[in-house]
Amino acid sequence: MLVEEAMTKNVITIHKEKTVLDACNMYQERKVGCLLVTDSQGDCVGIVTERDIIERTICAHYNPEQTQVCNIMTSDIKTVPAKAKLEKAVEIMNEYNIKKLPVLQEGEVVGIITVTDLSRALPQLTKRSMENKIKPIWKE
C-alpha cells in the first residue's frame, strides 16, 4: 500500500506569525492533531502539535496570546513521498519517534500521514498481505 492511499489529504495550515492562541482555536474548530506551518510564500516551514503547545508554551509559561507559532513549532520536519510504500512512513516515524509526517509530491505538501491513518490502513494491509500469500497456493 502506498502512503497516498492512507494519508489524510485535507491538511490544515497556519501562518508562522499567527499566535499560539490562534493555533489552539484552529485545533478546536478543525478537530485536528497538528497544523502545518507556512511562510508568506505558502511554503511549509514547520509543524506544530498539541505537544508543542503544551511543552513549549504552557509549561514554559509563555502567553499564548502573544507567542507566535514560529517560536514553538518544530522546524526540522521529516517528510515522506506520496508514492512511497507505507512501510517507509512507519520506518521514518519510528526512527525519529514522531506520529505525524507531511507527505510530499513534486516538492509540494499533498497530505499528512499519522499514526491514526496507519491504524485505519492496517486491516486493509493485512487483507492484502494474506491475499498475496494465499492466492499462489490456491492456483496450485
Protein backbone atom coordinates (compact mmCIF):
# COMPACT_ATOMS: atom_id res chain seq x y z
CA MET A 1 0.00 0.00 0.00
CA LEU A 2 1.28 3.48 -0.85
CA VAL A 3 1.35 6.45 1.51
CA GLU A 4 -1.04 8.37 -0.75
CA GLU A 5 -3.67 5.65 -0.28
CA ALA A 6 -3.70 6.01 3.51
CA MET A 7 -2.84 9.67 4.09
CA THR A 8 -5.18 12.45 5.14
CA LYS A 9 -5.48 14.78 2.18
CA ASN A 10 -7.08 17.78 3.87
CA VAL A 11 -4.05 19.38 5.55
CA ILE A 12 -4.73 22.33 7.83
CA THR A 13 -2.11 25.08 7.79
CA ILE A 14 -1.36 28.15 9.88
CA HIS A 15 0.90 31.09 9.10
CA LYS A 16 4.09 31.17 11.16
CA GLU A 17 3.32 34.64 12.55
CA LYS A 18 -0.08 33.66 13.97
CA THR A 19 -0.28 33.26 17.74
CA VAL A 20 -0.42 30.04 19.69
CA LEU A 21 -3.94 31.02 20.73
CA ASP A 22 -4.86 31.20 17.03
CA ALA A 23 -3.46 27.69 16.65
CA CYS A 24 -5.49 26.46 19.64
CA ASN A 25 -8.65 27.93 18.13
CA MET A 26 -7.90 26.18 14.83
CA TYR A 27 -7.43 22.89 16.70
CA GLN A 28 -10.81 23.35 18.33
CA GLU A 29 -12.60 24.34 15.10
CA ARG A 30 -10.99 21.76 12.80
CA LYS A 31 -10.60 18.85 15.25
CA VAL A 32 -7.04 18.06 14.15
CA GLY A 33 -3.90 16.90 15.96
CA CYS A 34 -1.38 19.11 14.19
CA LEU A 35 -1.05 22.12 11.95
CA LEU A 36 1.49 22.58 9.19
CA VAL A 37 3.16 25.98 9.48
CA THR A 38 3.61 28.09 6.35
CA ASP A 39 5.51 31.25 5.47
CA SER A 40 4.32 34.21 3.37
CA GLN A 41 5.01 32.27 0.14
CA GLY A 42 2.88 29.35 1.35
CA ASP A 43 5.88 27.06 1.80
CA CYS A 44 5.80 24.58 4.67
CA VAL A 45 8.37 25.69 7.25
CA GLY A 46 7.34 23.61 10.23
CA ILE A 47 4.73 21.68 12.13
CA VAL A 48 3.03 22.48 15.42
CA THR A 49 1.47 19.74 17.51
CA GLU A 50 -0.57 19.73 20.69
CA ARG A 51 2.55 18.58 22.49
CA ASP A 52 4.50 21.60 21.18
CA ILE A 53 1.81 23.88 22.59
CA ILE A 54 1.82 22.18 25.97
CA GLU A 55 5.58 21.85 26.41
CA ARG A 56 6.84 24.97 24.62
CA THR A 57 4.11 27.41 25.63
CA ILE A 58 2.10 26.36 28.67
CA CYS A 59 4.88 24.59 30.61
CA ALA A 60 7.37 27.29 29.58
CA HIS A 61 4.97 29.95 30.97
CA TYR A 62 4.64 31.82 27.67
CA ASN A 63 1.50 33.78 26.90
CA PRO A 64 -0.44 32.01 24.09
CA GLU A 65 -1.96 35.34 23.04
CA GLN A 66 1.48 36.83 22.39
CA THR A 67 3.67 33.88 21.42
CA GLN A 68 3.95 33.29 17.69
CA VAL A 69 3.66 29.80 16.25
CA CYS A 70 7.14 30.10 14.70
CA ASN A 71 8.60 30.29 18.22
CA ILE A 72 7.22 26.91 19.30
CA MET A 73 6.96 24.91 16.06
CA THR A 74 9.22 22.07 15.05
CA SER A 75 11.13 23.40 12.06
CA ASP A 76 13.22 20.32 11.28
CA ILE A 77 10.29 18.42 9.82
CA LYS A 78 10.61 14.97 8.32
CA THR A 79 8.58 14.12 5.22
CA VAL A 80 7.72 11.12 3.08
CA PRO A 81 6.94 10.91 -0.67
CA ALA A 82 3.31 10.22 -1.61
CA LYS A 83 4.38 7.27 -3.79
CA ALA A 84 6.45 5.65 -1.04
CA LYS A 85 5.30 2.39 0.48
CA LEU A 86 3.50 2.74 3.80
CA GLU A 87 6.33 0.82 5.43
CA LYS A 88 8.67 3.73 4.62
CA ALA A 89 6.44 6.14 6.56
CA VAL A 90 6.45 3.74 9.52
CA GLU A 91 10.24 3.48 9.32
CA ILE A 92 10.65 7.29 9.41
CA MET A 93 8.17 7.66 12.25
CA ASN A 94 9.96 5.00 14.28
CA GLU A 95 13.43 6.39 13.56
CA TYR A 96 12.53 9.92 14.66
CA ASN A 97 9.87 9.00 17.25
CA ILE A 98 7.17 11.07 15.57
CA LYS A 99 3.47 10.46 15.00
CA LYS A 100 2.71 12.85 12.14
CA LEU A 101 4.52 13.04 8.82
CA PRO A 102 3.85 15.51 5.98
CA VAL A 103 3.51 13.86 2.57
CA LEU A 104 5.19 15.42 -0.48
CA GLN A 105 4.63 15.08 -4.20
CA GLU A 106 6.96 17.01 -6.51
CA GLY A 107 8.09 19.14 -3.56
CA GLU A 108 4.57 20.17 -2.54
CA VAL A 109 2.68 19.05 0.56
CA VAL A 110 -0.26 16.91 -0.59
CA GLY A 111 -1.24 15.34 2.70
CA ILE A 112 -0.19 14.08 6.08
CA ILE A 113 0.17 10.52 7.34
CA THR A 114 -0.43 9.93 11.03
CA VAL A 115 -0.44 7.01 13.42
CA THR A 116 -4.24 7.15 13.23
CA ASP A 117 -4.09 6.82 9.43
CA LEU A 118 -1.78 3.83 9.83
CA SER A 119 -4.18 2.14 12.25
CA ARG A 120 -7.04 2.64 9.79
CA ALA A 121 -4.95 1.13 6.98
CA LEU A 122 -3.86 -1.91 9.00
CA PRO A 123 -6.90 -4.10 8.25
CA GLN A 124 -6.51 -3.46 4.51
CA LEU A 125 -2.76 -4.12 4.68
CA THR A 126 -3.38 -7.39 6.49
CA LYS A 127 -6.00 -8.42 3.94
CA ARG A 128 -3.68 -7.63 1.00
CA SER A 129 -0.83 -9.49 2.64
CA MET A 130 -2.96 -12.57 3.23
CA GLU A 131 -4.34 -12.47 -0.34
CA ASN A 132 -0.82 -12.31 -1.74
CA LYS A 133 0.17 -15.35 0.30
CA ILE A 134 -2.97 -17.40 -0.27
CA LYS A 135 -3.60 -16.78 -3.99
CA PRO A 136 -0.44 -18.57 -5.14
CA ILE A 137 -1.42 -21.60 -3.01
CA TRP A 138 -4.95 -21.71 -4.49
CA LYS A 139 -3.57 -21.65 -8.02
CA GLU A 140 -1.52 -24.80 -7.42
